[in-house]
């Protein structure tokens, strides 16, 4: 049985958000961030604040 570290989980989540943002931009589609944040919170069992921090990191690092 393998355990996934918190760092691995965080990186997977950040990469999923970034991929979704990139795909929306590529297709010239407007992404409803609030809805996407809510879905992330439900699917990952995390708080809104955590997902907002992921978005903030992506925005700062990649200028999204």
PDB file of N, CA and C in Angstrom:
ATOM      1  N   UNK A   1       0.852  -1.188   0.000  1.00  0.00           N
ATOM      2  CA  UNK A   1       0.000   0.000   0.000  1.00  0.00           C
ATOM      3  C   UNK A   1       0.887   1.238   0.000  1.00  0.00           C
ATOM      4  N   UNK A   2       0.668   2.108  -0.965  1.00  0.00           N
ATOM      5  CA  UNK A   2       1.500   3.303  -1.035  1.00  0.00           C
ATOM      6  C   UNK A   2       0.741   4.510  -0.507  1.00  0.00           C
ATOM      7  N   UNK A   3       1.456   5.350   0.164  1.00  0.00           N
ATOM      8  CA  UNK A   3       0.878   6.562   0.716  1.00  0.00           C
ATOM      9  C   UNK A   3       1.320   7.739  -0.144  1.00  0.00           C
ATOM     10  N   UNK A   4       0.389   8.601  -0.469  1.00  0.00           N
ATOM     11  CA  UNK A   4       0.712   9.795  -1.230  1.00  0.00           C
ATOM     12  C   UNK A   4       0.921  10.932  -0.243  1.00  0.00           C
ATOM     13  N   UNK A   5       2.040  11.616  -0.395  1.00  0.00           N
ATOM     14  CA  UNK A   5       2.354  12.696   0.536  1.00  0.00           C
ATOM     15  C   UNK A   5       1.459  13.911   0.279  1.00  0.00           C
ATOM     16  N   UNK A   6       1.366  14.764   1.272  1.00  0.00           N
ATOM     17  CA  UNK A   6       0.590  15.996   1.142  1.00  0.00           C
ATOM     18  C   UNK A   6       1.123  16.842  -0.009  1.00  0.00           C
ATOM     19  N   UNK A   7       2.431  16.844  -0.175  1.00  0.00           N
ATOM     20  CA  UNK A   7       3.048  17.618  -1.249  1.00  0.00           C
ATOM     21  C   UNK A   7       2.625  17.089  -2.615  1.00  0.00           C
ATOM     22  N   UNK A   8       2.584  15.760  -2.747  1.00  0.00           N
ATOM     23  CA  UNK A   8       2.165  15.154  -4.014  1.00  0.00           C
ATOM     24  C   UNK A   8       0.711  15.490  -4.324  1.00  0.00           C
ATOM     25  N   UNK A   9      -0.133  15.404  -3.320  1.00  0.00           N
ATOM     26  CA  UNK A   9      -1.551  15.709  -3.503  1.00  0.00           C
ATOM     27  C   UNK A   9      -1.712  17.176  -3.892  1.00  0.00           C
ATOM     28  N   UNK A  10      -1.017  18.067  -3.196  1.00  0.00           N
ATOM     29  CA  UNK A  10      -1.090  19.496  -3.496  1.00  0.00           C
ATOM     30  C   UNK A  10      -0.659  19.758  -4.936  1.00  0.00           C
ATOM     31  N   UNK A  11       0.444  19.159  -5.360  1.00  0.00           N
ATOM     32  CA  UNK A  11       0.951  19.348  -6.709  1.00  0.00           C
ATOM     33  C   UNK A  11      -0.033  18.803  -7.752  1.00  0.00           C
ATOM     34  N   UNK A  12      -0.637  17.657  -7.485  1.00  0.00           N
ATOM     35  CA  UNK A  12      -1.632  17.092  -8.403  1.00  0.00           C
ATOM     36  C   UNK A  12      -2.822  18.041  -8.566  1.00  0.00           C
ATOM     37  N   UNK A  13      -3.269  18.590  -7.475  1.00  0.00           N
ATOM     38  CA  UNK A  13      -4.415  19.498  -7.507  1.00  0.00           C
ATOM     39  C   UNK A  13      -4.083  20.782  -8.258  1.00  0.00           C
ATOM     40  N   UNK A  14      -2.920  21.354  -7.971  1.00  0.00           N
ATOM     41  CA  UNK A  14      -2.503  22.578  -8.658  1.00  0.00           C
ATOM     42  C   UNK A  14      -2.368  22.323 -10.156  1.00  0.00           C
ATOM     43  N   UNK A  15      -1.795  21.184 -10.521  1.00  0.00           N
ATOM     44  CA  UNK A  15      -1.655  20.858 -11.934  1.00  0.00           C
ATOM     45  C   UNK A  15      -3.007  20.660 -12.611  1.00  0.00           C
ATOM     46  N   UNK A  16      -3.965  20.072 -11.900  1.00  0.00           N
ATOM     47  CA  UNK A  16      -5.311  19.892 -12.462  1.00  0.00           C
ATOM     48  C   UNK A  16      -5.960  21.252 -12.712  1.00  0.00           C
ATOM     49  N   UNK A  17      -5.839  22.158 -11.780  1.00  0.00           N
ATOM     50  CA  UNK A  17      -6.405  23.497 -11.952  1.00  0.00           C
ATOM     51  C   UNK A  17      -5.747  24.183 -13.138  1.00  0.00           C
ATOM     52  N   UNK A  18      -4.426  24.104 -13.206  1.00  0.00           N
ATOM     53  CA  UNK A  18      -3.701  24.755 -14.306  1.00  0.00           C
ATOM     54  C   UNK A  18      -4.107  24.169 -15.650  1.00  0.00           C
ATOM     55  N   UNK A  19      -4.212  22.854 -15.741  1.00  0.00           N
ATOM     56  CA  UNK A  19      -4.635  22.216 -16.996  1.00  0.00           C
ATOM     57  C   UNK A  19      -6.036  22.690 -17.407  1.00  0.00           C
ATOM     58  N   UNK A  20      -6.933  22.773 -16.429  1.00  0.00           N
ATOM     59  CA  UNK A  20      -8.296  23.215 -16.714  1.00  0.00           C
ATOM     60  C   UNK A  20      -8.306  24.656 -17.208  1.00  0.00           C
ATOM     61  N   UNK A  21      -7.525  25.523 -16.569  1.00  0.00           N
ATOM     62  CA  UNK A  21      -7.426  26.915 -17.009  1.00  0.00           C
ATOM     63  C   UNK A  21      -6.839  27.007 -18.412  1.00  0.00           C
ATOM     64  N   UNK A  22      -5.796  26.221 -18.665  1.00  0.00           N
ATOM     65  CA  UNK A  22      -5.165  26.214 -19.991  1.00  0.00           C
ATOM     66  C   UNK A  22      -6.127  25.729 -21.076  1.00  0.00           C
ATOM     67  N   UNK A  23      -6.882  24.682 -20.774  1.00  0.00           N
ATOM     68  CA  UNK A  23      -7.843  24.135 -21.742  1.00  0.00           C
ATOM     69  C   UNK A  23      -8.941  25.152 -22.056  1.00  0.00           C
ATOM     70  N   UNK A  24      -9.430  25.833 -21.037  1.00  0.00           N
ATOM     71  CA  UNK A  24     -10.474  26.843 -21.242  1.00  0.00           C
ATOM     72  C   UNK A  24      -9.933  27.987 -22.109  1.00  0.00           C
ATOM     73  N   UNK A  25      -8.718  28.407 -21.827  1.00  0.00           N
ATOM     74  CA  UNK A  25      -8.106  29.494 -22.595  1.00  0.00           C
ATOM     75  C   UNK A  25      -7.895  29.069 -24.045  1.00  0.00           C
ATOM     76  N   UNK A  26      -7.424  27.846 -24.239  1.00  0.00           N
ATOM     77  CA  UNK A  26      -7.171  27.316 -25.578  1.00  0.00           C
ATOM     78  C   UNK A  26      -8.460  27.269 -26.407  1.00  0.00           C
ATOM     79  N   UNK A  27      -9.576  26.948 -25.751  1.00  0.00           N
ATOM     80  CA  UNK A  27     -10.865  26.850 -26.436  1.00  0.00           C
ATOM     81  C   UNK A  27     -11.625  28.185 -26.433  1.00  0.00           C
ATOM     82  N   UNK A  28     -10.977  29.248 -25.924  1.00  0.00           N
ATOM     83  CA  UNK A  28     -11.602  30.569 -25.817  1.00  0.00           C
ATOM     84  C   UNK A  28     -12.918  30.512 -25.048  1.00  0.00           C
ATOM     85  N   UNK A  29     -12.926  29.714 -23.997  1.00  0.00           N
ATOM     86  CA  UNK A  29     -14.127  29.588 -23.161  1.00  0.00           C
ATOM     87  C   UNK A  29     -13.896  30.308 -21.838  1.00  0.00           C
ATOM     88  N   UNK A  30     -14.934  30.951 -21.387  1.00  0.00           N
ATOM     89  CA  UNK A  30     -14.902  31.618 -20.089  1.00  0.00           C
ATOM     90  C   UNK A  30     -15.121  30.570 -19.004  1.00  0.00           C
ATOM     91  N   UNK A  31     -14.230  30.508 -18.043  1.00  0.00           N
ATOM     92  CA  UNK A  31     -14.355  29.552 -16.948  1.00  0.00           C
ATOM     93  C   UNK A  31     -15.028  30.241 -15.764  1.00  0.00           C
ATOM     94  N   UNK A  32     -16.079  29.643 -15.277  1.00  0.00           N
ATOM     95  CA  UNK A  32     -16.755  30.162 -14.090  1.00  0.00           C
ATOM     96  C   UNK A  32     -15.928  29.735 -12.876  1.00  0.00           C
ATOM     97  N   UNK A  33     -15.053  30.630 -12.426  1.00  0.00           N
ATOM     98  CA  UNK A  33     -14.127  30.295 -11.333  1.00  0.00           C
ATOM     99  C   UNK A  33     -14.857  29.900 -10.062  1.00  0.00           C
ATOM    100  N   UNK A  34     -15.914  30.613  -9.754  1.00  0.00           N
ATOM    101  CA  UNK A  34     -16.637  30.313  -8.515  1.00  0.00           C
ATOM    102  C   UNK A  34     -17.200  28.896  -8.544  1.00  0.00           C
ATOM    103  N   UNK A  35     -17.771  28.518  -9.676  1.00  0.00           N
ATOM    104  CA  UNK A  35     -18.306  27.163  -9.797  1.00  0.00           C
ATOM    105  C   UNK A  35     -17.171  26.141  -9.741  1.00  0.00           C
ATOM    106  N   UNK A  36     -16.080  26.439 -10.440  1.00  0.00           N
ATOM    107  CA  UNK A  36     -14.931  25.526 -10.451  1.00  0.00           C
ATOM    108  C   UNK A  36     -14.355  25.365  -9.047  1.00  0.00           C
ATOM    109  N   UNK A  37     -14.263  26.447  -8.307  1.00  0.00           N
ATOM    110  CA  UNK A  37     -13.778  26.388  -6.917  1.00  0.00           C
ATOM    111  C   UNK A  37     -14.698  25.505  -6.078  1.00  0.00           C
ATOM    112  N   UNK A  38     -16.003  25.686  -6.247  1.00  0.00           N
ATOM    113  CA  UNK A  38     -16.971  24.891  -5.485  1.00  0.00           C
ATOM    114  C   UNK A  38     -16.831  23.405  -5.805  1.00  0.00           C
ATOM    115  N   UNK A  39     -16.670  23.079  -7.091  1.00  0.00           N
ATOM    116  CA  UNK A  39     -16.517  21.681  -7.496  1.00  0.00           C
ATOM    117  C   UNK A  39     -15.239  21.098  -6.886  1.00  0.00           C
ATOM    118  N   UNK A  40     -14.151  21.857  -6.927  1.00  0.00           N
ATOM    119  CA  UNK A  40     -12.889  21.395  -6.332  1.00  0.00           C
ATOM    120  C   UNK A  40     -13.070  21.106  -4.846  1.00  0.00           C
ATOM    121  N   UNK A  41     -13.737  22.013  -4.148  1.00  0.00           N
ATOM    122  CA  UNK A  41     -13.963  21.830  -2.707  1.00  0.00           C
ATOM    123  C   UNK A  41     -14.738  20.545  -2.433  1.00  0.00           C
ATOM    124  N   UNK A  42     -15.767  20.306  -3.217  1.00  0.00           N
ATOM    125  CA  UNK A  42     -16.588  19.115  -3.017  1.00  0.00           C
ATOM    126  C   UNK A  42     -15.811  17.856  -3.362  1.00  0.00           C
ATOM    127  N   UNK A  43     -15.150  17.849  -4.532  1.00  0.00           N
ATOM    128  CA  UNK A  43     -14.436  16.650  -4.974  1.00  0.00           C
ATOM    129  C   UNK A  43     -13.247  16.316  -4.077  1.00  0.00           C
ATOM    130  N   UNK A  44     -12.549  17.333  -3.608  1.00  0.00           N
ATOM    131  CA  UNK A  44     -11.328  17.103  -2.832  1.00  0.00           C
ATOM    132  C   UNK A  44     -11.555  17.136  -1.325  1.00  0.00           C
ATOM    133  N   UNK A  45     -12.757  17.544  -0.898  1.00  0.00           N
ATOM    134  CA  UNK A  45     -13.023  17.637   0.534  1.00  0.00           C
ATOM    135  C   UNK A  45     -12.152  18.680   1.212  1.00  0.00           C
ATOM    136  N   UNK A  46     -11.927  19.772   0.496  1.00  0.00           N
ATOM    137  CA  UNK A  46     -11.065  20.821   1.023  1.00  0.00           C
ATOM    138  C   UNK A  46     -11.853  22.110   1.189  1.00  0.00           C
ATOM    139  N   UNK A  47     -11.227  23.090   1.782  1.00  0.00           N
ATOM    140  CA  UNK A  47     -11.901  24.361   1.997  1.00  0.00           C
ATOM    141  C   UNK A  47     -11.731  25.277   0.791  1.00  0.00           C
ATOM    142  N   UNK A  48     -12.608  26.243   0.706  1.00  0.00           N
ATOM    143  CA  UNK A  48     -12.541  27.251  -0.350  1.00  0.00           C
ATOM    144  C   UNK A  48     -11.205  27.999  -0.271  1.00  0.00           C
ATOM    145  N   UNK A  49     -10.808  28.286   0.931  1.00  0.00           N
ATOM    146  CA  UNK A  49      -9.553  29.017   1.142  1.00  0.00           C
ATOM    147  C   UNK A  49      -8.363  28.270   0.528  1.00  0.00           C
ATOM    148  N   UNK A  50      -8.324  26.961   0.682  1.00  0.00           N
ATOM    149  CA  UNK A  50      -7.235  26.161   0.122  1.00  0.00           C
ATOM    150  C   UNK A  50      -7.226  26.267  -1.396  1.00  0.00           C
ATOM    151  N   UNK A  51      -8.392  26.120  -2.011  1.00  0.00           N
ATOM    152  CA  UNK A  51      -8.470  26.197  -3.470  1.00  0.00           C
ATOM    153  C   UNK A  51      -8.092  27.596  -3.944  1.00  0.00           C
ATOM    154  N   UNK A  52      -8.507  28.617  -3.222  1.00  0.00           N
ATOM    155  CA  UNK A  52      -8.125  29.986  -3.579  1.00  0.00           C
ATOM    156  C   UNK A  52      -6.614  30.176  -3.508  1.00  0.00           C
ATOM    157  N   UNK A  53      -5.978  29.546  -2.552  1.00  0.00           N
ATOM    158  CA  UNK A  53      -4.519  29.610  -2.458  1.00  0.00           C
ATOM    159  C   UNK A  53      -3.867  28.947  -3.671  1.00  0.00           C
ATOM    160  N   UNK A  54      -4.430  27.832  -4.124  1.00  0.00           N
ATOM    161  CA  UNK A  54      -3.923  27.170  -5.337  1.00  0.00           C
ATOM    162  C   UNK A  54      -4.043  28.111  -6.535  1.00  0.00           C
ATOM    163  N   UNK A  55      -5.208  28.753  -6.689  1.00  0.00           N
ATOM    164  CA  UNK A  55      -5.407  29.705  -7.774  1.00  0.00           C
ATOM    165  C   UNK A  55      -4.403  30.860  -7.675  1.00  0.00           C
ATOM    166  N   UNK A  56      -4.194  31.346  -6.472  1.00  0.00           N
ATOM    167  CA  UNK A  56      -3.260  32.461  -6.275  1.00  0.00           C
ATOM    168  C   UNK A  56      -1.848  32.065  -6.711  1.00  0.00           C
ATOM    169  N   UNK A  57      -1.417  30.857  -6.344  1.00  0.00           N
ATOM    170  CA  UNK A  57      -0.091  30.383  -6.742  1.00  0.00           C
ATOM    171  C   UNK A  57       0.029  30.315  -8.258  1.00  0.00           C
ATOM    172  N   UNK A  58      -1.011  29.788  -8.903  1.00  0.00           N
ATOM    173  CA  UNK A  58      -0.997  29.679 -10.368  1.00  0.00           C
ATOM    174  C   UNK A  58      -0.975  31.052 -11.009  1.00  0.00           C
ATOM    175  N   UNK A  59      -1.817  31.954 -10.504  1.00  0.00           N
ATOM    176  CA  UNK A  59      -1.863  33.312 -11.052  1.00  0.00           C
ATOM    177  C   UNK A  59      -0.522  34.014 -10.934  1.00  0.00           C
ATOM    178  N   UNK A  60       0.122  33.870  -9.787  1.00  0.00           N
ATOM    179  CA  UNK A  60       1.419  34.515  -9.586  1.00  0.00           C
ATOM    180  C   UNK A  60       2.515  33.884 -10.421  1.00  0.00           C
ATOM    181  N   UNK A  61       2.510  32.581 -10.517  1.00  0.00           N
ATOM    182  CA  UNK A  61       3.578  31.865 -11.225  1.00  0.00           C
ATOM    183  C   UNK A  61       3.437  31.961 -12.743  1.00  0.00           C
ATOM    184  N   UNK A  62       2.200  31.907 -13.228  1.00  0.00           N
ATOM    185  CA  UNK A  62       1.983  31.817 -14.671  1.00  0.00           C
ATOM    186  C   UNK A  62       1.210  32.994 -15.250  1.00  0.00           C
ATOM    187  N   UNK A  63       0.830  33.943 -14.420  1.00  0.00           N
ATOM    188  CA  UNK A  63       0.115  35.118 -14.917  1.00  0.00           C
ATOM    189  C   UNK A  63      -1.233  34.824 -15.521  1.00  0.00           C
ATOM    190  N   UNK A  64      -1.949  33.878 -14.921  1.00  0.00           N
ATOM    191  CA  UNK A  64      -3.279  33.494 -15.450  1.00  0.00           C
ATOM    192  C   UNK A  64      -4.283  34.568 -15.139  1.00  0.00           C
TER     193      UNK A  64
END
